[in-house]
Each structure stands twice: as C-alpha cells, then as structure tokens.
Amino acid sequence: MFYRHLAGLALLGLTVSAAGAAERPVVVELFTSQGCSSCPPANAYLNELARDRTDVLPLAFHVTYWDRLGWKDPFSLPEATSRQDRYGHRFGDGSYTPEIVVDGASSHVGSQRQDVGSAIDAARQKSTTAATLSLAKHTDGLSIDVGAGQGRGRLLLIGFDHAHTTAIRRGENGGRTLEEANVVRSVRGIGDWQGSPLTLREKFPEGEDVAVLLEAPDGRIIGAARLSGS
C-alpha cells in the first residue's frame, strides 16, 4: 500500500569522478521503506539503474515514518525523512512511498518506470551544472574540489552502501527478502559554494561509497559526483 506522511511532520589511489555540464550524472533519489509493500517494484527499478546506467546516480533514502507500522527498517534515517519533507513542501504533494525525485526538479511515483524514465531523459538534455565536482580518497579522509561557476549552492556529503539483502520478518513485506542497491547510510551538509573554486577535506562518511551533491537554493541539483572505481 502507499503510505502518505503529511509534509511538515516529521580510497587510496582512487581516481576522481567529475562531471562537466553534459557529463555529470542525473541524480535519482528514491524515498522508500522496507515496511511498504508498494516499494519493492521501485526498489527493483533503482537496482537496475545502479547496475546498468553510468549516467545516473541512484540513491535510496529510507524514511522513518514506516518504522512504527510493523517493521523497523534498519536503514531508515531521520535525515532521509527530513529531506523528503522539504521536497514535499516544495512540490506540494506531502511525503509518500515510493517517491522518486529526479535531479531535485520533479517528483514521481517510484514504481512508474515510464514516467521516471522520461524524467531522467529530460534531465539529461537540460540538466544544469553550475560547477564541476571531484572527489579523492586519502588515508585520512576525502578531498572534495568544486570548480568555479555561476550561482551558489549547498554541498551535501552522502555515504551509501552498494547492496543489501534483508529478510523481512514483520509488517507488510513480512516473509519477503529484499534486494536493495545504493542504500544511503549518512547525509550531512559540508559547506556552501558561492561561485569561487573551493577545496574541502572531510572524514569518510558512514557507507562503502561516497557521493557529493551541489544543491541550488531552490533544491535543484546543479552538480554531482561520486568516487569512481567503487
């Protein structure tokens, strides 16, 4: 079933992954929960994107508001719920699962592949890249370089795991085993970009892999990169 939560409630030697205006990945954010029986088809779609599309950065944000309804999702994050809540206010549709947001610019029912696929294709044609991003892993953490450009934005550091298999014991998906890709384990803001080149050093976040997003004041994604070779 769909569950609607009303908005307002609440690597040593690794090469960098940078993207120019025509090359940066389209960011696909899935808001999901292991407790939602409508979510597995959307999860399967995100898994396929993670496996087959190098031009897409798919990220699975597990929300918390299903946790009281029979099964506590071990990957649920308050930050995921808050992020979706901000999108819900902006798009005027509240928070629901499964929801996919494409490049921070449009909201879609996550299981509607044709709708989401069309939005991804459209984003590839008109995506904005305000500045290039690059990441490198060192013994003591990460270095993040942001190029010069026009505008301003907020930088988000996201840690995620490549894949998880979970046997669900209770709730709407009780008895099922879920395969999930690119599961977000941590999200935090790391600074503001004002158009000038910027270099940051950060601790490696929780998760096997790392992405950095540059988010415009209106919530659109205007830059994205992940560690390559992962």
C-alpha atoms as a PDB file:
ATOM      1  CA  MET A   1       0.000   0.000   0.000  1.00  0.00           C
ATOM      2  CA  PHE A   2       1.055   3.632  -0.348  1.00  0.00           C
ATOM      3  CA  TYR A   3       1.678   5.440   2.902  1.00  0.00           C
ATOM      4  CA  ARG A   4       1.430   9.209   2.907  1.00  0.00           C
ATOM      5  CA  HIS A   5       3.157  11.228   5.589  1.00  0.00           C
ATOM      6  CA  LEU A   6       1.959  14.820   5.537  1.00  0.00           C
ATOM      7  CA  ALA A   7       4.657  17.320   4.794  1.00  0.00           C
ATOM      8  CA  GLY A   8       5.663  19.231   7.878  1.00  0.00           C
ATOM      9  CA  LEU A   9       5.776  16.173  10.144  1.00  0.00           C
ATOM     10  CA  ALA A  10       8.046  14.869  10.717  1.00  0.00           C
ATOM     11  CA  LEU A  11      40.245   5.244  -1.390  1.00  0.00           C
ATOM     12  CA  LEU A  12      43.665   5.177  -1.637  1.00  0.00           C
ATOM     13  CA  GLY A  13      44.659   5.983  -5.210  1.00  0.00           C
ATOM     14  CA  LEU A  14      41.101   6.112  -6.436  1.00  0.00           C
ATOM     15  CA  THR A  15      40.588   8.325  -9.430  1.00  0.00           C
ATOM     16  CA  VAL A  16      38.185  11.214  -9.211  1.00  0.00           C
ATOM     17  CA  SER A  17      34.666  11.211 -10.553  1.00  0.00           C
ATOM     18  CA  ALA A  18      33.946  14.606 -12.022  1.00  0.00           C
ATOM     19  CA  ALA A  19      31.335  15.746 -14.465  1.00  0.00           C
ATOM     20  CA  GLY A  20      31.068  18.572 -16.897  1.00  0.00           C
ATOM     21  CA  ALA A  21      27.807  20.115 -17.933  1.00  0.00           C
ATOM     22  CA  ALA A  22      26.983  17.361 -20.397  1.00  0.00           C
ATOM     23  CA  GLU A  23      28.505  14.537 -18.362  1.00  0.00           C
ATOM     24  CA  ARG A  24      27.505  14.770 -14.736  1.00  0.00           C
ATOM     25  CA  PRO A  25      25.124  12.025 -13.620  1.00  0.00           C
ATOM     26  CA  VAL A  26      21.420  12.658 -13.255  1.00  0.00           C
ATOM     27  CA  VAL A  27      20.613  12.257  -9.561  1.00  0.00           C
ATOM     28  CA  VAL A  28      17.707   9.894  -8.866  1.00  0.00           C
ATOM     29  CA  GLU A  29      16.544   9.872  -5.236  1.00  0.00           C
ATOM     30  CA  LEU A  30      14.183   7.101  -4.157  1.00  0.00           C
ATOM     31  CA  PHE A  31      12.332   7.604  -0.877  1.00  0.00           C
ATOM     32  CA  THR A  32      11.413   4.144   0.311  1.00  0.00           C
ATOM     33  CA  SER A  33      10.928   1.834   3.284  1.00  0.00           C
ATOM     34  CA  GLN A  34      11.232  -1.882   3.884  1.00  0.00           C
ATOM     35  CA  GLY A  35       7.851  -1.683   5.606  1.00  0.00           C
ATOM     36  CA  CYS A  36       5.998  -0.534   2.468  1.00  0.00           C
ATOM     37  CA  SER A  37       4.517  -3.232   0.234  1.00  0.00           C
ATOM     38  CA  SER A  38       4.370  -0.823  -2.739  1.00  0.00           C
ATOM     39  CA  CYS A  39       8.106  -0.129  -2.542  1.00  0.00           C
ATOM     40  CA  PRO A  40       9.752  -3.348  -3.855  1.00  0.00           C
ATOM     41  CA  PRO A  41       8.966  -2.567  -7.539  1.00  0.00           C
ATOM     42  CA  ALA A  42      10.519   0.883  -7.135  1.00  0.00           C
ATOM     43  CA  ASN A  43      13.493  -0.652  -5.319  1.00  0.00           C
ATOM     44  CA  ALA A  44      13.942  -3.119  -8.200  1.00  0.00           C
ATOM     45  CA  TYR A  45      13.923  -0.243 -10.689  1.00  0.00           C
ATOM     46  CA  LEU A  46      16.565   1.653  -8.703  1.00  0.00           C
ATOM     47  CA  ASN A  47      18.643  -1.551  -8.547  1.00  0.00           C
ATOM     48  CA  GLU A  48      18.556  -1.731 -12.344  1.00  0.00           C
ATOM     49  CA  LEU A  49      19.587   1.906 -12.664  1.00  0.00           C
ATOM     50  CA  ALA A  50      22.505   1.304 -10.298  1.00  0.00           C
ATOM     51  CA  ARG A  51      23.600  -1.740 -12.297  1.00  0.00           C
ATOM     52  CA  ASP A  52      23.021  -0.554 -15.859  1.00  0.00           C
ATOM     53  CA  ARG A  53      23.262   3.256 -16.050  1.00  0.00           C
ATOM     54  CA  THR A  54      26.568   5.047 -15.638  1.00  0.00           C
ATOM     55  CA  ASP A  55      24.883   8.360 -16.486  1.00  0.00           C
ATOM     56  CA  VAL A  56      22.630   8.158 -13.417  1.00  0.00           C
ATOM     57  CA  LEU A  57      23.447   8.436  -9.716  1.00  0.00           C
ATOM     58  CA  PRO A  58      20.678   6.453  -7.975  1.00  0.00           C
ATOM     59  CA  LEU A  59      20.352   6.824  -4.198  1.00  0.00           C
ATOM     60  CA  ALA A  60      17.876   5.019  -1.926  1.00  0.00           C
ATOM     61  CA  PHE A  61      16.794   7.145   1.041  1.00  0.00           C
ATOM     62  CA  HIS A  62      14.995   5.009   3.633  1.00  0.00           C
ATOM     63  CA  VAL A  63      12.486   7.100   5.593  1.00  0.00           C
ATOM     64  CA  THR A  64      11.492   6.646   9.218  1.00  0.00           C
ATOM     65  CA  TYR A  65       7.710   7.109   9.227  1.00  0.00           C
ATOM     66  CA  TRP A  66       7.032   3.448   8.379  1.00  0.00           C
ATOM     67  CA  ASP A  67       9.078   2.215  11.353  1.00  0.00           C
ATOM     68  CA  ARG A  68       6.120   2.214  13.750  1.00  0.00           C
ATOM     69  CA  LEU A  69       3.929   0.163  11.405  1.00  0.00           C
ATOM     70  CA  GLY A  70       5.176  -3.370  11.999  1.00  0.00           C
ATOM     71  CA  TRP A  71       8.794  -3.382  10.805  1.00  0.00           C
ATOM     72  CA  LYS A  72      11.657  -1.052  11.731  1.00  0.00           C
ATOM     73  CA  ASP A  73      13.768  -0.507   8.659  1.00  0.00           C
ATOM     74  CA  PRO A  74      17.430  -0.911   9.734  1.00  0.00           C
ATOM     75  CA  PHE A  75      18.483   1.671   7.146  1.00  0.00           C
ATOM     76  CA  SER A  76      15.919   4.354   7.960  1.00  0.00           C
ATOM     77  CA  LEU A  77      17.393   7.791   8.601  1.00  0.00           C
ATOM     78  CA  PRO A  78      15.812  10.920  10.102  1.00  0.00           C
ATOM     79  CA  GLU A  79      17.804  12.877   7.515  1.00  0.00           C
ATOM     80  CA  ALA A  80      16.023  10.975   4.727  1.00  0.00           C
ATOM     81  CA  THR A  81      12.633  11.835   6.218  1.00  0.00           C
ATOM     82  CA  SER A  82      13.622  15.494   6.565  1.00  0.00           C
ATOM     83  CA  ARG A  83      14.929  15.646   3.018  1.00  0.00           C
ATOM     84  CA  GLN A  84      11.714  14.197   1.626  1.00  0.00           C
ATOM     85  CA  ASP A  85       9.685  16.569   3.793  1.00  0.00           C
ATOM     86  CA  ARG A  86      11.445  19.533   2.167  1.00  0.00           C
ATOM     87  CA  TYR A  87      10.634  18.138  -1.268  1.00  0.00           C
ATOM     88  CA  GLY A  88       7.029  17.594  -0.153  1.00  0.00           C
ATOM     89  CA  HIS A  89       6.671  21.241   0.790  1.00  0.00           C
ATOM     90  CA  ARG A  90       8.222  22.321  -2.474  1.00  0.00           C
ATOM     91  CA  PHE A  91       6.188  20.071  -4.776  1.00  0.00           C
ATOM     92  CA  GLY A  92       3.030  20.321  -2.670  1.00  0.00           C
ATOM     93  CA  ASP A  93       2.422  16.569  -2.549  1.00  0.00           C
ATOM     94  CA  GLY A  94       3.474  15.730   1.008  1.00  0.00           C
ATOM     95  CA  SER A  95       5.674  12.706   1.636  1.00  0.00           C
ATOM     96  CA  TYR A  96       4.807   9.243   0.357  1.00  0.00           C
ATOM     97  CA  THR A  97       6.492   5.997  -0.545  1.00  0.00           C
ATOM     98  CA  PRO A  98       7.734   5.077  -3.025  1.00  0.00           C
ATOM     99  CA  GLU A  99       8.637   8.509  -4.359  1.00  0.00           C
ATOM    100  CA  ILE A 100      11.413   9.291  -6.837  1.00  0.00           C
ATOM    101  CA  VAL A 101      12.792  12.797  -7.239  1.00  0.00           C
ATOM    102  CA  VAL A 102      14.836  13.389 -10.398  1.00  0.00           C
ATOM    103  CA  ASP A 103      17.664  15.949 -10.166  1.00  0.00           C
ATOM    104  CA  GLY A 104      15.786  17.720  -7.378  1.00  0.00           C
ATOM    105  CA  ALA A 105      13.450  19.076 -10.063  1.00  0.00           C
ATOM    106  CA  SER A 106      10.460  16.724 -10.357  1.00  0.00           C
ATOM    107  CA  SER A 107       8.585  14.202  -8.214  1.00  0.00           C
ATOM    108  CA  HIS A 108       7.189  10.856  -9.416  1.00  0.00           C
ATOM    109  CA  VAL A 109       5.632   7.670  -8.090  1.00  0.00           C
ATOM    110  CA  GLY A 110       8.707   5.483  -7.844  1.00  0.00           C
ATOM    111  CA  SER A 111       7.176   2.402  -9.422  1.00  0.00           C
ATOM    112  CA  GLN A 112       6.057   4.267 -12.573  1.00  0.00           C
ATOM    113  CA  ARG A 113       9.054   3.369 -14.731  1.00  0.00           C
ATOM    114  CA  GLN A 114       7.937   5.103 -17.890  1.00  0.00           C
ATOM    115  CA  ASP A 115       7.238   8.356 -16.074  1.00  0.00           C
ATOM    116  CA  VAL A 116      10.538   8.277 -14.196  1.00  0.00           C
ATOM    117  CA  GLY A 117      12.468   7.194 -17.292  1.00  0.00           C
ATOM    118  CA  SER A 118      11.070  10.116 -19.269  1.00  0.00           C
ATOM    119  CA  ALA A 119      12.054  12.490 -16.464  1.00  0.00           C
ATOM    120  CA  ILE A 120      15.601  11.083 -16.454  1.00  0.00           C
ATOM    121  CA  ASP A 121      15.874  11.503 -20.226  1.00  0.00           C
ATOM    122  CA  ALA A 122      14.587  15.067 -19.971  1.00  0.00           C
ATOM    123  CA  ALA A 123      17.047  15.850 -17.183  1.00  0.00           C
ATOM    124  CA  ARG A 124      19.939  14.542 -19.273  1.00  0.00           C
ATOM    125  CA  GLN A 125      19.001  17.003 -22.004  1.00  0.00           C
ATOM    126  CA  LYS A 126      18.582  20.084 -19.822  1.00  0.00           C
ATOM    127  CA  SER A 127      20.456  19.415 -16.577  1.00  0.00           C
ATOM    128  CA  THR A 128      22.319  22.368 -15.129  1.00  0.00           C
ATOM    129  CA  THR A 129      25.873  22.050 -13.878  1.00  0.00           C
ATOM    130  CA  ALA A 130      26.948  25.173 -12.045  1.00  0.00           C
ATOM    131  CA  ALA A 131      30.395  23.776 -11.206  1.00  0.00           C
ATOM    132  CA  THR A 132      32.392  20.605 -11.643  1.00  0.00           C
ATOM    133  CA  LEU A 133      32.930  18.391  -8.601  1.00  0.00           C
ATOM    134  CA  SER A 134      35.707  15.921  -7.938  1.00  0.00           C
ATOM    135  CA  LEU A 135      36.474  13.578  -5.050  1.00  0.00           C
ATOM    136  CA  ALA A 136      39.589  11.708  -3.961  1.00  0.00           C
ATOM    137  CA  LYS A 137      40.141   9.343  -1.054  1.00  0.00           C
ATOM    138  CA  HIS A 138      43.180   9.659   1.180  1.00  0.00           C
ATOM    139  CA  THR A 139      44.420   7.812   4.232  1.00  0.00           C
ATOM    140  CA  ASP A 140      42.837  10.416   6.495  1.00  0.00           C
ATOM    141  CA  GLY A 141      39.585  11.022   4.612  1.00  0.00           C
ATOM    142  CA  LEU A 142      38.357  12.751   1.485  1.00  0.00           C
ATOM    143  CA  SER A 143      39.255  15.804  -0.526  1.00  0.00           C
ATOM    144  CA  ILE A 144      36.445  17.496  -2.421  1.00  0.00           C
ATOM    145  CA  ASP A 145      37.143  20.059  -5.110  1.00  0.00           C
ATOM    146  CA  VAL A 146      34.486  22.368  -6.503  1.00  0.00           C
ATOM    147  CA  GLY A 147      35.255  24.405  -9.608  1.00  0.00           C
ATOM    148  CA  ALA A 148      34.401  27.989 -10.407  1.00  0.00           C
ATOM    149  CA  GLY A 149      31.000  28.806 -11.829  1.00  0.00           C
ATOM    150  CA  GLN A 150      27.911  30.939 -11.693  1.00  0.00           C
ATOM    151  CA  GLY A 151      25.472  30.912  -8.794  1.00  0.00           C
ATOM    152  CA  ARG A 152      25.636  29.422  -5.340  1.00  0.00           C
ATOM    153  CA  GLY A 153      24.623  26.241  -3.577  1.00  0.00           C
ATOM    154  CA  ARG A 154      24.913  23.892  -0.633  1.00  0.00           C
ATOM    155  CA  LEU A 155      27.231  20.875  -0.669  1.00  0.00           C
ATOM    156  CA  LEU A 156      25.952  17.557   0.670  1.00  0.00           C
ATOM    157  CA  LEU A 157      28.170  14.588   1.515  1.00  0.00           C
ATOM    158  CA  ILE A 158      26.347  11.264   1.177  1.00  0.00           C
ATOM    159  CA  GLY A 159      27.640   7.864   2.242  1.00  0.00           C
ATOM    160  CA  PHE A 160      25.959   4.807   0.778  1.00  0.00           C
ATOM    161  CA  ASP A 161      26.332   1.037   0.573  1.00  0.00           C
ATOM    162  CA  HIS A 162      26.367  -0.752  -2.771  1.00  0.00           C
ATOM    163  CA  ALA A 163      23.913  -3.528  -1.908  1.00  0.00           C
ATOM    164  CA  HIS A 164      21.986  -5.123   0.951  1.00  0.00           C
ATOM    165  CA  THR A 165      19.865  -8.242   1.250  1.00  0.00           C
ATOM    166  CA  THR A 166      17.349  -8.190   4.097  1.00  0.00           C
ATOM    167  CA  ALA A 167      14.918 -10.859   5.260  1.00  0.00           C
ATOM    168  CA  ILE A 168      11.791  -9.016   6.404  1.00  0.00           C
ATOM    169  CA  ARG A 169      10.141 -10.692   9.365  1.00  0.00           C
ATOM    170  CA  ARG A 170       7.108  -8.474  10.022  1.00  0.00           C
ATOM    171  CA  GLY A 171       4.932  -5.780   8.522  1.00  0.00           C
ATOM    172  CA  GLU A 172       3.538  -5.504   5.002  1.00  0.00           C
ATOM    173  CA  ASN A 173       6.580  -7.218   3.471  1.00  0.00           C
ATOM    174  CA  GLY A 174       6.835  -9.904   6.166  1.00  0.00           C
ATOM    175  CA  GLY A 175       8.256 -13.141   4.735  1.00  0.00           C
ATOM    176  CA  ARG A 176       9.938 -11.425   1.770  1.00  0.00           C
ATOM    177  CA  THR A 177      13.650 -10.979   1.143  1.00  0.00           C
ATOM    178  CA  LEU A 178      14.509  -7.583  -0.312  1.00  0.00           C
ATOM    179  CA  GLU A 179      17.492  -6.784  -2.509  1.00  0.00           C
ATOM    180  CA  GLU A 180      18.360  -3.086  -2.361  1.00  0.00           C
ATOM    181  CA  ALA A 181      21.095  -1.074  -4.065  1.00  0.00           C
ATOM    182  CA  ASN A 182      22.815   2.214  -3.220  1.00  0.00           C
ATOM    183  CA  VAL A 183      21.346   2.398   0.265  1.00  0.00           C
ATOM    184  CA  VAL A 184      22.096   5.775   1.834  1.00  0.00           C
ATOM    185  CA  ARG A 185      23.715   5.455   5.267  1.00  0.00           C
ATOM    186  CA  SER A 186      24.561   9.073   6.053  1.00  0.00           C
ATOM    187  CA  VAL A 187      23.805  12.589   4.829  1.00  0.00           C
ATOM    188  CA  ARG A 188      25.320  15.847   6.001  1.00  0.00           C
ATOM    189  CA  GLY A 189      25.935  19.339   4.759  1.00  0.00           C
ATOM    190  CA  ILE A 190      29.606  20.216   4.398  1.00  0.00           C
ATOM    191  CA  GLY A 191      29.525  23.833   3.302  1.00  0.00           C
ATOM    192  CA  ASP A 192      28.309  26.490   0.930  1.00  0.00           C
ATOM    193  CA  TRP A 193      29.634  27.272  -2.541  1.00  0.00           C
ATOM    194  CA  GLN A 194      29.480  30.884  -3.715  1.00  0.00           C
ATOM    195  CA  GLY A 195      30.873  30.593  -7.247  1.00  0.00           C
ATOM    196  CA  SER A 196      34.595  30.544  -6.454  1.00  0.00           C
ATOM    197  CA  PRO A 197      36.772  27.409  -6.501  1.00  0.00           C
ATOM    198  CA  LEU A 198      36.587  25.543  -3.211  1.00  0.00           C
ATOM    199  CA  THR A 199      38.513  22.639  -1.672  1.00  0.00           C
ATOM    200  CA  LEU A 200      37.263  20.771   1.384  1.00  0.00           C
ATOM    201  CA  ARG A 201      38.744  17.975   3.469  1.00  0.00           C
ATOM    202  CA  GLU A 202      36.244  15.710   5.197  1.00  0.00           C
ATOM    203  CA  LYS A 203      36.147  12.472   7.150  1.00  0.00           C
ATOM    204  CA  PHE A 204      34.950   9.486   5.152  1.00  0.00           C
ATOM    205  CA  PRO A 205      31.229   9.142   5.919  1.00  0.00           C
ATOM    206  CA  GLU A 206      29.412   6.024   7.018  1.00  0.00           C
ATOM    207  CA  GLY A 207      28.933   3.814   3.966  1.00  0.00           C
ATOM    208  CA  GLU A 208      31.005   1.961   1.383  1.00  0.00           C
ATOM    209  CA  ASP A 209      30.903   4.667  -1.261  1.00  0.00           C
ATOM    210  CA  VAL A 210      30.565   8.431  -1.399  1.00  0.00           C
ATOM    211  CA  ALA A 211      28.646  10.982  -3.426  1.00  0.00           C
ATOM    212  CA  VAL A 212      28.685  14.753  -3.256  1.00  0.00           C
ATOM    213  CA  LEU A 213      25.736  16.829  -4.420  1.00  0.00           C
ATOM    214  CA  LEU A 214      25.630  20.549  -5.096  1.00  0.00           C
ATOM    215  CA  GLU A 215      22.131  21.792  -4.389  1.00  0.00           C
ATOM    216  CA  ALA A 216      20.821  25.180  -5.513  1.00  0.00           C
ATOM    217  CA  PRO A 217      18.832  27.342  -3.073  1.00  0.00           C
ATOM    218  CA  ASP A 218      15.605  26.179  -4.740  1.00  0.00           C
ATOM    219  CA  GLY A 219      16.501  22.479  -4.200  1.00  0.00           C
ATOM    220  CA  ARG A 220      17.539  21.604  -7.762  1.00  0.00           C
ATOM    221  CA  ILE A 221      20.717  19.568  -8.169  1.00  0.00           C
ATOM    222  CA  ILE A 222      23.324  21.646 -10.008  1.00  0.00           C
ATOM    223  CA  GLY A 223      26.350  19.390  -9.522  1.00  0.00           C
ATOM    224  CA  ALA A 224      27.043  15.778  -8.627  1.00  0.00           C
ATOM    225  CA  ALA A 225      29.928  13.327  -8.418  1.00  0.00           C
ATOM    226  CA  ARG A 226      30.827  10.032  -6.776  1.00  0.00           C
ATOM    227  CA  LEU A 227      34.040   8.160  -6.115  1.00  0.00           C
ATOM    228  CA  SER A 228      34.961   6.099  -9.157  1.00  0.00           C
ATOM    229  CA  GLY A 229      36.335   2.570  -9.086  1.00  0.00           C
ATOM    230  CA  SER A 230      33.868   1.575  -6.356  1.00  0.00           C
END
